[in-house]
Amino acid sequence: MAVDATGLGEGVASHLTKALGRLMVEPIKFTAPMKSKLGYEMMGAVNAGRLKMYMRDGSEEWAEFWRQVGSSRARYRLNETMDF
């Protein structure tokens, strides 16, 4: 399981790692290069048709997902990293 180990998540990630072990928990620090890599990987999945969303079901989760997607923006830096 991947766990956010950035900022406040560091304590939670540490606790889970101690409780469950490194074979079960992968703490991830979301640095700018890591976020950029994940952003490019997600764009690749979208462009290759590997990322699919469920049809409209009227749920609050569906509406919130599309609200967040609709307000997302990417910025590209000179060193070809992405910020979003």
PDB file of N, CA and C in Angstrom:
ATOM      1  N   MET A   1       0.841  -1.153   0.000  1.00  0.00           N
ATOM      2  CA  MET A   1       0.000   0.000   0.000  1.00  0.00           C
ATOM      3  C   MET A   1       0.894   1.225   0.000  1.00  0.00           C
ATOM      4  N   ALA A   2       0.563   2.192  -0.829  1.00  0.00           N
ATOM      5  CA  ALA A   2       1.302   3.451  -0.869  1.00  0.00           C
ATOM      6  C   ALA A   2       0.676   4.418   0.124  1.00  0.00           C
ATOM      7  N   VAL A   3       1.523   5.147   0.864  1.00  0.00           N
ATOM      8  CA  VAL A   3       1.064   6.084   1.883  1.00  0.00           C
ATOM      9  C   VAL A   3       1.771   7.418   1.684  1.00  0.00           C
ATOM     10  N   ASP A   4       1.012   8.504   1.728  1.00  0.00           N
ATOM     11  CA  ASP A   4       1.588   9.841   1.620  1.00  0.00           C
ATOM     12  C   ASP A   4       2.458  10.109   2.841  1.00  0.00           C
ATOM     13  N   ALA A   5       3.745  10.297   2.613  1.00  0.00           N
ATOM     14  CA  ALA A   5       4.687  10.558   3.702  1.00  0.00           C
ATOM     15  C   ALA A   5       5.201  11.993   3.639  1.00  0.00           C
ATOM     16  N   THR A   6       4.370  12.892   3.111  1.00  0.00           N
ATOM     17  CA  THR A   6       4.733  14.293   2.980  1.00  0.00           C
ATOM     18  C   THR A   6       4.100  15.083   4.120  1.00  0.00           C
ATOM     19  N   GLY A   7       4.865  15.951   4.753  1.00  0.00           N
ATOM     20  CA  GLY A   7       4.312  16.825   5.790  1.00  0.00           C
ATOM     21  C   GLY A   7       3.648  16.045   6.909  1.00  0.00           C
ATOM     22  N   LEU A   8       2.358  16.340   7.153  1.00  0.00           N
ATOM     23  CA  LEU A   8       1.618  15.672   8.229  1.00  0.00           C
ATOM     24  C   LEU A   8       1.505  14.171   8.007  1.00  0.00           C
ATOM     25  N   GLY A   9       1.550  13.729   6.766  1.00  0.00           N
ATOM     26  CA  GLY A   9       1.444  12.307   6.465  1.00  0.00           C
ATOM     27  C   GLY A   9       2.661  11.501   6.879  1.00  0.00           C
ATOM     28  N   GLU A  10       3.761  12.190   7.169  1.00  0.00           N
ATOM     29  CA  GLU A  10       4.992  11.487   7.536  1.00  0.00           C
ATOM     30  C   GLU A  10       4.811  10.652   8.804  1.00  0.00           C
ATOM     31  N   GLY A  11       4.114  11.198   9.795  1.00  0.00           N
ATOM     32  CA  GLY A  11       3.885  10.464  11.035  1.00  0.00           C
ATOM     33  C   GLY A  11       3.004   9.247  10.818  1.00  0.00           C
ATOM     34  N   VAL A  12       1.959   9.419  10.024  1.00  0.00           N
ATOM     35  CA  VAL A  12       1.054   8.297   9.722  1.00  0.00           C
ATOM     36  C   VAL A  12       1.808   7.211   8.968  1.00  0.00           C
ATOM     37  N   ALA A  13       2.604   7.619   7.966  1.00  0.00           N
ATOM     38  CA  ALA A  13       3.379   6.657   7.186  1.00  0.00           C
ATOM     39  C   ALA A  13       4.363   5.906   8.071  1.00  0.00           C
ATOM     40  N   SER A  14       5.003   6.615   8.987  1.00  0.00           N
ATOM     41  CA  SER A  14       5.957   5.981   9.899  1.00  0.00           C
ATOM     42  C   SER A  14       5.257   4.963  10.793  1.00  0.00           C
ATOM     43  N   HIS A  15       4.119   5.346  11.345  1.00  0.00           N
ATOM     44  CA  HIS A  15       3.355   4.442  12.213  1.00  0.00           C
ATOM     45  C   HIS A  15       2.925   3.184  11.453  1.00  0.00           C
ATOM     46  N   LEU A  16       2.388   3.363  10.242  1.00  0.00           N
ATOM     47  CA  LEU A  16       1.943   2.210   9.451  1.00  0.00           C
ATOM     48  C   LEU A  16       3.107   1.309   9.067  1.00  0.00           C
ATOM     49  N   THR A  17       4.245   1.921   8.739  1.00  0.00           N
ATOM     50  CA  THR A  17       5.423   1.130   8.368  1.00  0.00           C
ATOM     51  C   THR A  17       5.889   0.279   9.547  1.00  0.00           C
ATOM     52  N   LYS A  18       5.898   0.883  10.739  1.00  0.00           N
ATOM     53  CA  LYS A  18       6.300   0.125  11.935  1.00  0.00           C
ATOM     54  C   LYS A  18       5.307  -0.986  12.242  1.00  0.00           C
ATOM     55  N   ALA A  19       4.023  -0.701  12.066  1.00  0.00           N
ATOM     56  CA  ALA A  19       2.984  -1.679  12.403  1.00  0.00           C
ATOM     57  C   ALA A  19       2.885  -2.808  11.381  1.00  0.00           C
ATOM     58  N   LEU A  20       3.035  -2.470  10.093  1.00  0.00           N
ATOM     59  CA  LEU A  20       2.790  -3.462   9.036  1.00  0.00           C
ATOM     60  C   LEU A  20       4.052  -3.930   8.316  1.00  0.00           C
ATOM     61  N   GLY A  21       5.143  -3.154   8.429  1.00  0.00           N
ATOM     62  CA  GLY A  21       6.394  -3.526   7.775  1.00  0.00           C
ATOM     63  C   GLY A  21       6.533  -2.939   6.384  1.00  0.00           C
ATOM     64  N   ARG A  22       7.787  -2.858   5.936  1.00  0.00           N
ATOM     65  CA  ARG A  22       8.107  -2.255   4.621  1.00  0.00           C
ATOM     66  C   ARG A  22       7.591  -3.080   3.443  1.00  0.00           C
ATOM     67  N   LEU A  23       7.313  -4.357   3.667  1.00  0.00           N
ATOM     68  CA  LEU A  23       6.776  -5.169   2.574  1.00  0.00           C
ATOM     69  C   LEU A  23       5.317  -4.813   2.279  1.00  0.00           C
ATOM     70  N   MET A  24       4.633  -4.248   3.266  1.00  0.00           N
ATOM     71  CA  MET A  24       3.220  -3.894   3.111  1.00  0.00           C
ATOM     72  C   MET A  24       3.001  -2.402   2.863  1.00  0.00           C
ATOM     73  N   VAL A  25       3.939  -1.562   3.285  1.00  0.00           N
ATOM     74  CA  VAL A  25       3.748  -0.113   3.227  1.00  0.00           C
ATOM     75  C   VAL A  25       4.878   0.523   2.425  1.00  0.00           C
ATOM     76  N   GLU A  26       4.507   1.391   1.492  1.00  0.00           N
ATOM     77  CA  GLU A  26       5.506   2.143   0.738  1.00  0.00           C
ATOM     78  C   GLU A  26       5.266   3.634   0.970  1.00  0.00           C
ATOM     79  N   PRO A  27       6.041   4.246   1.879  1.00  0.00           N
ATOM     80  CA  PRO A  27       5.888   5.684   2.108  1.00  0.00           C
ATOM     81  C   PRO A  27       6.374   6.460   0.879  1.00  0.00           C
ATOM     82  N   ILE A  28       5.587   7.434   0.440  1.00  0.00           N
ATOM     83  CA  ILE A  28       5.954   8.233  -0.733  1.00  0.00           C
ATOM     84  C   ILE A  28       5.940   9.704  -0.355  1.00  0.00           C
ATOM     85  N   LYS A  29       7.066  10.386  -0.599  1.00  0.00           N
ATOM     86  CA  LYS A  29       7.147  11.833  -0.391  1.00  0.00           C
ATOM     87  C   LYS A  29       6.822  12.508  -1.722  1.00  0.00           C
ATOM     88  N   PHE A  30       5.802  13.321  -1.701  1.00  0.00           N
ATOM     89  CA  PHE A  30       5.352  13.980  -2.923  1.00  0.00           C
ATOM     90  C   PHE A  30       6.140  15.258  -3.161  1.00  0.00           C
ATOM     91  N   THR A  31       7.325  15.086  -3.722  1.00  0.00           N
ATOM     92  CA  THR A  31       8.177  16.212  -4.097  1.00  0.00           C
ATOM     93  C   THR A  31       7.709  16.746  -5.443  1.00  0.00           C
ATOM     94  N   ALA A  32       8.215  17.905  -5.836  1.00  0.00           N
ATOM     95  CA  ALA A  32       7.847  18.466  -7.141  1.00  0.00           C
ATOM     96  C   ALA A  32       8.195  17.508  -8.291  1.00  0.00           C
ATOM     97  N   PRO A  33       9.397  16.900  -8.308  1.00  0.00           N
ATOM     98  CA  PRO A  33       9.690  15.954  -9.394  1.00  0.00           C
ATOM     99  C   PRO A  33       8.760  14.734  -9.383  1.00  0.00           C
ATOM    100  N   MET A  34       8.393  14.243  -8.190  1.00  0.00           N
ATOM    101  CA  MET A  34       7.500  13.086  -8.099  1.00  0.00           C
ATOM    102  C   MET A  34       6.116  13.438  -8.637  1.00  0.00           C
ATOM    103  N   LYS A  35       5.587  14.614  -8.256  1.00  0.00           N
ATOM    104  CA  LYS A  35       4.274  15.034  -8.744  1.00  0.00           C
ATOM    105  C   LYS A  35       4.296  15.200 -10.255  1.00  0.00           C
ATOM    106  N   SER A  36       5.383  15.752 -10.777  1.00  0.00           N
ATOM    107  CA  SER A  36       5.510  15.931 -12.219  1.00  0.00           C
ATOM    108  C   SER A  36       5.489  14.577 -12.930  1.00  0.00           C
ATOM    109  N   LYS A  37       6.244  13.629 -12.407  1.00  0.00           N
ATOM    110  CA  LYS A  37       6.290  12.284 -13.000  1.00  0.00           C
ATOM    111  C   LYS A  37       4.901  11.655 -13.009  1.00  0.00           C
ATOM    112  N   LEU A  38       4.192  11.753 -11.879  1.00  0.00           N
ATOM    113  CA  LEU A  38       2.840  11.195 -11.804  1.00  0.00           C
ATOM    114  C   LEU A  38       1.892  11.890 -12.789  1.00  0.00           C
ATOM    115  N   GLY A  39       2.036  13.205 -12.928  1.00  0.00           N
ATOM    116  CA  GLY A  39       1.201  13.949 -13.873  1.00  0.00           C
ATOM    117  C   GLY A  39       1.422  13.496 -15.311  1.00  0.00           C
ATOM    118  N   TYR A  40       2.691  13.347 -15.706  1.00  0.00           N
ATOM    119  CA  TYR A  40       2.990  12.881 -17.061  1.00  0.00           C
ATOM    120  C   TYR A  40       2.495  11.445 -17.275  1.00  0.00           C
ATOM    121  N   GLU A  41       2.626  10.601 -16.251  1.00  0.00           N
ATOM    122  CA  GLU A  41       2.139   9.225 -16.378  1.00  0.00           C
ATOM    123  C   GLU A  41       0.617   9.184 -16.525  1.00  0.00           C
ATOM    124  N   MET A  42      -0.084  10.049 -15.782  1.00  0.00           N
ATOM    125  CA  MET A  42      -1.536  10.084 -15.913  1.00  0.00           C
ATOM    126  C   MET A  42      -1.945  10.591 -17.294  1.00  0.00           C
ATOM    127  N   MET A  43      -1.262  11.609 -17.810  1.00  0.00           N
ATOM    128  CA  MET A  43      -1.570  12.089 -19.161  1.00  0.00           C
ATOM    129  C   MET A  43      -1.331  10.993 -20.194  1.00  0.00           C
ATOM    130  N   GLY A  44      -0.272  10.225 -20.014  1.00  0.00           N
ATOM    131  CA  GLY A  44       0.007   9.116 -20.926  1.00  0.00           C
ATOM    132  C   GLY A  44      -1.105   8.080 -20.890  1.00  0.00           C
ATOM    133  N   ALA A  45      -1.607   7.772 -19.702  1.00  0.00           N
ATOM    134  CA  ALA A  45      -2.702   6.806 -19.567  1.00  0.00           C
ATOM    135  C   ALA A  45      -3.968   7.323 -20.229  1.00  0.00           C
ATOM    136  N   VAL A  46      -4.266   8.610 -20.051  1.00  0.00           N
ATOM    137  CA  VAL A  46      -5.447   9.210 -20.689  1.00  0.00           C
ATOM    138  C   VAL A  46      -5.301   9.154 -22.205  1.00  0.00           C
ATOM    139  N   ASN A  47      -4.158   9.594 -22.715  1.00  0.00           N
ATOM    140  CA  ASN A  47      -3.941   9.646 -24.164  1.00  0.00           C
ATOM    141  C   ASN A  47      -3.918   8.271 -24.813  1.00  0.00           C
ATOM    142  N   ALA A  48      -3.551   7.238 -24.056  1.00  0.00           N
ATOM    143  CA  ALA A  48      -3.513   5.879 -24.598  1.00  0.00           C
ATOM    144  C   ALA A  48      -4.835   5.139 -24.384  1.00  0.00           C
ATOM    145  N   GLY A  49      -5.812   5.807 -23.762  1.00  0.00           N
ATOM    146  CA  GLY A  49      -7.100   5.172 -23.525  1.00  0.00           C
ATOM    147  C   GLY A  49      -7.089   4.158 -22.396  1.00  0.00           C
ATOM    148  N   ARG A  50      -6.073   4.241 -21.514  1.00  0.00           N
ATOM    149  CA  ARG A  50      -5.988   3.294 -20.400  1.00  0.00           C
ATOM    150  C   ARG A  50      -6.670   3.796 -19.141  1.00  0.00           C
ATOM    151  N   LEU A  51      -7.108   5.056 -19.135  1.00  0.00           N
ATOM    152  CA  LEU A  51      -7.782   5.614 -17.968  1.00  0.00           C
ATOM    153  C   LEU A  51      -9.241   5.856 -18.345  1.00  0.00           C
ATOM    154  N   LYS A  52     -10.130   5.210 -17.653  1.00  0.00           N
ATOM    155  CA  LYS A  52     -11.560   5.318 -17.930  1.00  0.00           C
ATOM    156  C   LYS A  52     -12.288   5.789 -16.680  1.00  0.00           C
ATOM    157  N   MET A  53     -13.326   6.561 -16.869  1.00  0.00           N
ATOM    158  CA  MET A  53     -14.176   7.008 -15.768  1.00  0.00           C
ATOM    159  C   MET A  53     -15.552   6.383 -15.941  1.00  0.00           C
ATOM    160  N   TYR A  54     -16.197   6.120 -14.825  1.00  0.00           N
ATOM    161  CA  TYR A  54     -17.539   5.554 -14.880  1.00  0.00           C
ATOM    162  C   TYR A  54     -18.520   6.557 -15.468  1.00  0.00           C
ATOM    163  N   MET A  55     -19.612   6.026 -16.021  1.00  0.00           N
ATOM    164  CA  MET A  55     -20.655   6.883 -16.561  1.00  0.00           C
ATOM    165  C   MET A  55     -21.314   7.667 -15.437  1.00  0.00           C
ATOM    166  N   ARG A  56     -21.973   8.732 -15.817  1.00  0.00           N
ATOM    167  CA  ARG A  56     -22.690   9.573 -14.852  1.00  0.00           C
ATOM    168  C   ARG A  56     -23.684   8.720 -14.066  1.00  0.00           C
ATOM    169  N   ASP A  57     -23.574   8.790 -12.733  1.00  0.00           N
ATOM    170  CA  ASP A  57     -24.514   8.040 -11.910  1.00  0.00           C
ATOM    171  C   ASP A  57     -25.257   8.949 -10.934  1.00  0.00           C
ATOM    172  N   GLY A  58     -24.976  10.256 -11.020  1.00  0.00           N
ATOM    173  CA  GLY A  58     -25.674  11.209 -10.169  1.00  0.00           C
ATOM    174  C   GLY A  58     -25.166  11.264  -8.741  1.00  0.00           C
ATOM    175  N   SER A  59     -24.126  10.495  -8.409  1.00  0.00           N
ATOM    176  CA  SER A  59     -23.621  10.470  -7.037  1.00  0.00           C
ATOM    177  C   SER A  59     -22.819  11.739  -6.737  1.00  0.00           C
ATOM    178  N   GLU A  60     -22.671  12.018  -5.445  1.00  0.00           N
ATOM    179  CA  GLU A  60     -21.858  13.153  -5.021  1.00  0.00           C
ATOM    180  C   GLU A  60     -20.398  12.939  -5.412  1.00  0.00           C
ATOM    181  N   GLU A  61     -19.929  11.690  -5.333  1.00  0.00           N
ATOM    182  CA  GLU A  61     -18.543  11.387  -5.693  1.00  0.00           C
ATOM    183  C   GLU A  61     -18.288  11.668  -7.170  1.00  0.00           C
ATOM    184  N   TRP A  62     -19.237  11.280  -8.022  1.00  0.00           N
ATOM    185  CA  TRP A  62     -19.099  11.522  -9.456  1.00  0.00           C
ATOM    186  C   TRP A  62     -19.022  13.023  -9.722  1.00  0.00           C
ATOM    187  N   ALA A  63     -19.942  13.786  -9.113  1.00  0.00           N
ATOM    188  CA  ALA A  63     -19.978  15.237  -9.309  1.00  0.00           C
ATOM    189  C   ALA A  63     -18.700  15.894  -8.799  1.00  0.00           C
ATOM    190  N   GLU A  64     -18.220  15.454  -7.641  1.00  0.00           N
ATOM    191  CA  GLU A  64     -17.002  16.041  -7.072  1.00  0.00           C
ATOM    192  C   GLU A  64     -15.783  15.721  -7.930  1.00  0.00           C
ATOM    193  N   PHE A  65     -15.709  14.496  -8.439  1.00  0.00           N
ATOM    194  CA  PHE A  65     -14.595  14.133  -9.327  1.00  0.00           C
ATOM    195  C   PHE A  65     -14.545  15.078 -10.522  1.00  0.00           C
ATOM    196  N   TRP A  66     -15.669  15.264 -11.201  1.00  0.00           N
ATOM    197  CA  TRP A  66     -15.683  16.096 -12.399  1.00  0.00           C
ATOM    198  C   TRP A  66     -15.497  17.575 -12.064  1.00  0.00           C
ATOM    199  N   ARG A  67     -15.920  18.004 -10.871  1.00  0.00           N
ATOM    200  CA  ARG A  67     -15.667  19.389 -10.466  1.00  0.00           C
ATOM    201  C   ARG A  67     -14.159  19.602 -10.330  1.00  0.00           C
ATOM    202  N   GLN A  68     -13.473  18.655  -9.683  1.00  0.00           N
ATOM    203  CA  GLN A  68     -12.026  18.791  -9.499  1.00  0.00           C
ATOM    204  C   GLN A  68     -11.273  18.676 -10.820  1.00  0.00           C
ATOM    205  N   VAL A  69     -11.677  17.748 -11.658  1.00  0.00           N
ATOM    206  CA  VAL A  69     -11.026  17.604 -12.962  1.00  0.00           C
ATOM    207  C   VAL A  69     -11.203  18.878 -13.785  1.00  0.00           C
ATOM    208  N   GLY A  70     -12.415  19.430 -13.741  1.00  0.00           N
ATOM    209  CA  GLY A  70     -12.693  20.641 -14.515  1.00  0.00           C
ATOM    210  C   GLY A  70     -11.920  21.859 -14.056  1.00  0.00           C
ATOM    211  N   SER A  71     -11.544  21.906 -12.797  1.00  0.00           N
ATOM    212  CA  SER A  71     -10.813  23.071 -12.292  1.00  0.00           C
ATOM    213  C   SER A  71      -9.296  22.849 -12.279  1.00  0.00           C
ATOM    214  N   SER A  72      -8.841  21.671 -12.679  1.00  0.00           N
ATOM    215  CA  SER A  72      -7.400  21.370 -12.683  1.00  0.00           C
ATOM    216  C   SER A  72      -6.706  22.060 -13.842  1.00  0.00           C
ATOM    217  N   ARG A  73      -5.523  22.536 -13.596  1.00  0.00           N
ATOM    218  CA  ARG A  73      -4.697  23.166 -14.617  1.00  0.00           C
ATOM    219  C   ARG A  73      -3.262  22.693 -14.446  1.00  0.00           C
ATOM    220  N   ALA A  74      -2.560  22.563 -15.541  1.00  0.00           N
ATOM    221  CA  ALA A  74      -1.143  22.186 -15.501  1.00  0.00           C
ATOM    222  C   ALA A  74      -0.302  23.385 -15.927  1.00  0.00           C
ATOM    223  N   ARG A  75       0.859  23.512 -15.299  1.00  0.00           N
ATOM    224  CA  ARG A  75       1.855  24.501 -15.710  1.00  0.00           C
ATOM    225  C   ARG A  75       3.120  23.741 -16.044  1.00  0.00           C
ATOM    226  N   TYR A  76       3.746  24.132 -17.121  1.00  0.00           N
ATOM    227  CA  TYR A  76       4.977  23.468 -17.545  1.00  0.00           C
ATOM    228  C   TYR A  76       6.147  24.405 -17.314  1.00  0.00           C
ATOM    229  N   ARG A  77       7.137  23.921 -16.597  1.00  0.00           N
ATOM    230  CA  ARG A  77       8.311  24.720 -16.271  1.00  0.00           C
ATOM    231  C   ARG A  77       9.377  24.567 -17.348  1.00  0.00           C
ATOM    232  N   LEU A  78      10.374  25.422 -17.289  1.00  0.00           N
ATOM    233  CA  LEU A  78      11.454  25.391 -18.285  1.00  0.00           C
ATOM    234  C   LEU A  78      12.217  24.069 -18.265  1.00  0.00           C
ATOM    235  N   ASN A  79      12.300  23.419 -17.107  1.00  0.00           N
ATOM    236  CA  ASN A  79      13.037  22.157 -17.017  1.00  0.00           C
ATOM    237  C   ASN A  79      12.156  20.954 -17.354  1.00  0.00           C
ATOM    238  N   GLU A  80      11.042  21.217 -18.037  1.00  0.00           N
ATOM    239  CA  GLU A  80      10.100  20.196 -18.514  1.00  0.00           C
ATOM    240  C   GLU A  80       9.423  19.423 -17.386  1.00  0.00           C
ATOM    241  N   THR A  81       9.336  20.040 -16.204  1.00  0.00           N
ATOM    242  CA  THR A  81       8.539  19.444 -15.148  1.00  0.00           C
ATOM    243  C   THR A  81       7.162  20.097 -15.161  1.00  0.00           C
ATOM    244  N   MET A  82       6.191  19.363 -14.642  1.00  0.00           N
ATOM    245  CA  MET A  82       4.812  19.823 -14.626  1.00  0.00           C
ATOM    246  C   MET A  82       4.404  20.154 -13.191  1.00  0.00           C
ATOM    247  N   ASP A  83       3.646  21.189 -13.051  1.00  0.00           N
ATOM    248  CA  ASP A  83       3.060  21.548 -11.766  1.00  0.00           C
ATOM    249  C   ASP A  83       1.551  21.633 -12.001  1.00  0.00           C
ATOM    250  N   PHE A  84       0.769  21.156 -11.053  1.00  0.00           N
ATOM    251  CA  PHE A  84      -0.678  21.216 -11.237  1.00  0.00           C
ATOM    252  C   PHE A  84      -1.381  21.368  -9.922  1.00  0.00           C
TER     253      PHE A  84
END
